[in-house]
Amino acid sequence: MPEPLIIVNTSPLLYLHQVNCLELLQQLYSTITVPPAVPQELEVGKRQGVDVPIVNAIEWIQIRPVASAALIPAIVDLGQGEAEVIALGLENPDSLLVFDDQLARRIANLNELKYTGTLGVLVKAKQLGYLPLIAPIIIRLRTQGMWLTDKIIDDVRQISRRVMAASIPWQKLNKGNVNG
């Protein structure tokens, strides 16, 4: 059975690039997939003077079109990138979708699709030892314009602490310290 696709939308690529953490996606997932709308949206940002990744030049990012346009949700408030990410997810139900948009998450939930977001990528990277701390990155994300309330930041910090605490006994056991 083929590996599940990791299908990423525009905002996680943009924000991770802007805080110099784009390589986390490769470290966590090896290869990621984006629909054609994602590089198109990034190109619009580039023309407006935004620092964006050039996905066509990144070897571990694959651009994959949606096979059936009928699967693309026709929802006015949903961006084309999110719509195509969801459509690719529907075509590949074992995939992990990576986006930050709340409406896209609601649609993913309705379709029982798995997803995470930019902050979820950071928590996983910290859990696996790719990041020593996520708080400074969250502050930089906010500075770059990512909409993060104080509650979201506190929730992510708590989740990160719980994830790390849950992994400590395993780490100690691996080091031969069975007495805690």
Protein backbone atom coordinates (compact mmCIF):
# COMPACT_ATOMS: atom_id res chain seq x y z
CA MET A 1 0.00 0.00 0.00
CA PRO A 2 1.43 3.41 -0.93
CA GLU A 3 2.40 5.93 1.74
CA PRO A 4 -0.39 8.39 2.60
CA LEU A 5 0.03 11.77 0.94
CA ILE A 6 0.86 14.84 2.99
CA ILE A 7 -1.15 17.54 1.21
CA VAL A 8 -0.18 21.08 2.19
CA ASN A 9 -1.98 24.35 1.62
CA THR A 10 -0.52 27.79 1.01
CA SER A 11 -0.46 29.30 4.51
CA PRO A 12 1.63 26.58 6.22
CA LEU A 13 4.18 26.77 3.37
CA LEU A 14 4.26 30.55 3.52
CA TYR A 15 4.54 30.89 7.29
CA LEU A 16 7.05 28.07 7.77
CA HIS A 17 9.16 29.62 4.99
CA GLN A 18 9.00 33.07 6.58
CA VAL A 19 10.25 31.77 9.94
CA ASN A 20 12.96 29.62 8.31
CA CYS A 21 11.27 26.34 9.24
CA LEU A 22 10.07 25.10 5.85
CA GLU A 23 12.56 22.21 5.98
CA LEU A 24 10.58 20.78 8.93
CA LEU A 25 8.04 19.51 6.41
CA GLN A 26 10.73 17.50 4.65
CA GLN A 27 12.21 16.27 7.94
CA LEU A 28 8.80 15.12 9.18
CA TYR A 29 7.27 13.80 5.98
CA SER A 30 10.06 13.40 3.37
CA THR A 31 7.83 14.46 0.47
CA ILE A 32 4.79 16.70 0.46
CA THR A 33 2.14 17.30 -2.16
CA VAL A 34 0.47 20.56 -3.14
CA PRO A 35 -2.33 21.16 -5.63
CA PRO A 36 -1.72 23.65 -8.49
CA ALA A 37 -3.66 26.41 -6.70
CA VAL A 38 -0.96 26.59 -4.00
CA PRO A 39 1.93 27.75 -6.21
CA GLN A 40 -0.53 30.07 -7.98
CA GLU A 41 -1.52 31.67 -4.66
CA LEU A 42 2.13 31.97 -3.65
CA GLU A 43 2.92 33.65 -6.98
CA VAL A 44 0.24 36.25 -6.28
CA GLY A 45 1.93 36.94 -2.94
CA LYS A 46 5.34 37.18 -4.60
CA ARG A 47 4.02 39.79 -7.06
CA GLN A 48 2.80 41.78 -4.03
CA GLY A 49 6.29 41.73 -2.51
CA VAL A 50 5.76 38.91 -0.01
CA ASP A 51 8.69 36.56 0.70
CA VAL A 52 7.34 33.22 -0.51
CA PRO A 53 8.87 29.81 -1.19
CA ILE A 54 9.24 28.87 -4.85
CA VAL A 55 7.66 25.42 -4.66
CA ASN A 56 8.56 24.53 -8.24
CA ALA A 57 12.24 24.71 -7.25
CA ILE A 58 11.94 22.50 -4.15
CA GLU A 59 12.58 18.87 -5.05
CA TRP A 60 10.64 17.35 -2.12
CA ILE A 61 7.42 19.21 -3.02
CA GLN A 62 5.28 17.54 -5.67
CA ILE A 63 2.55 19.40 -7.50
CA ARG A 64 -0.43 17.16 -8.10
CA PRO A 65 -3.64 18.24 -9.81
CA VAL A 66 -7.04 17.14 -8.64
CA ALA A 67 -8.23 14.28 -10.85
CA SER A 68 -11.92 15.16 -10.60
CA ALA A 69 -12.97 18.79 -10.54
CA ALA A 70 -16.33 17.62 -9.20
CA LEU A 71 -14.65 16.94 -5.85
CA ILE A 72 -13.50 20.55 -5.41
CA PRO A 73 -15.86 22.13 -2.88
CA ALA A 74 -17.75 25.07 -4.38
CA ILE A 75 -17.91 27.21 -1.27
CA VAL A 76 -17.63 30.96 -1.70
CA ASP A 77 -15.64 31.61 1.50
CA LEU A 78 -13.14 28.82 0.85
CA GLY A 79 -9.93 29.71 -0.99
CA GLN A 80 -8.95 27.77 -4.10
CA GLY A 81 -5.90 26.29 -2.33
CA GLU A 82 -7.98 24.93 0.54
CA ALA A 83 -10.62 23.64 -1.88
CA GLU A 84 -8.04 21.74 -3.93
CA VAL A 85 -6.31 20.39 -0.80
CA ILE A 86 -9.66 19.03 0.38
CA ALA A 87 -10.39 17.57 -3.07
CA LEU A 88 -7.00 15.79 -3.11
CA GLY A 89 -7.80 14.54 0.39
CA LEU A 90 -11.11 13.15 -0.82
CA GLU A 91 -9.32 11.39 -3.68
CA ASN A 92 -6.72 10.04 -1.22
CA PRO A 93 -8.64 9.43 2.03
CA ASP A 94 -5.63 8.16 4.03
CA SER A 95 -3.82 11.46 3.48
CA LEU A 96 -2.91 14.08 6.05
CA LEU A 97 -4.03 17.58 5.08
CA VAL A 98 -2.07 20.56 6.38
CA PHE A 99 -3.95 23.85 6.50
CA ASP A 100 -4.87 26.58 8.97
CA ASP A 101 -8.26 27.76 7.69
CA GLN A 102 -11.16 27.10 10.08
CA LEU A 103 -13.75 26.57 7.33
CA ALA A 104 -11.46 24.07 5.60
CA ARG A 105 -11.11 22.22 8.93
CA ARG A 106 -14.89 22.05 9.33
CA ILE A 107 -15.24 20.61 5.85
CA ALA A 108 -12.44 18.12 6.57
CA ASN A 109 -14.23 17.06 9.75
CA LEU A 110 -17.50 16.56 7.86
CA ASN A 111 -15.66 14.34 5.38
CA GLU A 112 -13.69 12.54 8.11
CA LEU A 113 -10.35 13.66 6.67
CA LYS A 114 -7.23 13.87 8.86
CA TYR A 115 -5.59 17.26 9.15
CA THR A 116 -3.15 19.39 11.08
CA GLY A 117 -1.91 22.95 10.75
CA THR A 118 1.23 25.03 10.95
CA LEU A 119 1.28 24.84 14.75
CA GLY A 120 0.66 21.09 14.68
CA VAL A 121 3.71 20.72 12.44
CA LEU A 122 5.77 22.66 15.02
CA VAL A 123 4.51 20.50 17.91
CA LYS A 124 5.34 17.31 16.01
CA ALA A 125 8.78 18.68 15.11
CA LYS A 126 9.46 19.45 18.76
CA GLN A 127 8.21 16.02 19.83
CA LEU A 128 10.57 14.32 17.37
CA GLY A 129 13.53 16.47 18.39
CA TYR A 130 13.79 18.71 15.33
CA LEU A 131 13.04 21.84 17.41
CA PRO A 132 14.27 22.59 20.92
CA LEU A 133 11.53 25.20 21.53
CA ILE A 134 8.43 26.30 19.69
CA ALA A 135 7.56 29.47 21.66
CA PRO A 136 10.09 31.70 19.83
CA ILE A 137 8.81 30.41 16.48
CA ILE A 138 5.21 31.10 17.47
CA ILE A 139 6.17 34.67 18.34
CA ARG A 140 7.85 35.04 14.93
CA LEU A 141 4.77 33.58 13.22
CA ARG A 142 2.61 36.19 14.92
CA THR A 143 5.06 38.91 13.84
CA GLN A 144 4.80 37.64 10.25
CA GLY A 145 1.03 38.13 10.39
CA MET A 146 -0.28 34.70 11.32
CA TRP A 147 -3.50 35.23 13.24
CA LEU A 148 -2.87 33.69 16.67
CA THR A 149 -4.86 34.58 19.76
CA ASP A 150 -3.30 34.34 23.20
CA LYS A 151 -5.60 31.36 23.85
CA ILE A 152 -4.34 29.52 20.75
CA ILE A 153 -0.75 30.15 21.82
CA ASP A 154 -1.44 28.95 25.37
CA ASP A 155 -3.24 25.86 24.05
CA VAL A 156 -0.32 24.98 21.77
CA ARG A 157 2.18 25.43 24.60
CA GLN A 158 0.10 23.12 26.83
CA ILE A 159 -0.23 20.52 24.08
CA SER A 160 3.49 20.71 23.44
CA ARG A 161 4.27 20.20 27.14
CA ARG A 162 1.86 17.24 27.36
CA VAL A 163 3.33 15.64 24.24
CA MET A 164 6.85 16.07 25.56
CA ALA A 165 5.89 14.78 29.03
CA ALA A 166 4.27 11.72 27.48
CA SER A 167 7.46 10.94 25.57
CA ILE A 168 9.86 11.30 28.53
CA PRO A 169 9.33 7.81 30.05
CA TRP A 170 9.96 6.27 26.63
CA GLN A 171 13.14 8.31 26.22
CA LYS A 172 14.37 7.28 29.69
CA LEU A 173 13.56 3.65 28.97
CA ASN A 174 15.51 3.84 25.72
CA LYS A 175 18.50 5.18 27.64
CA GLY A 176 18.32 2.23 30.03
CA ASN A 177 16.99 4.19 33.00
CA VAL A 178 14.03 2.06 34.02
CA ASN A 179 13.66 3.64 37.47
CA GLY A 180 12.36 6.92 36.09
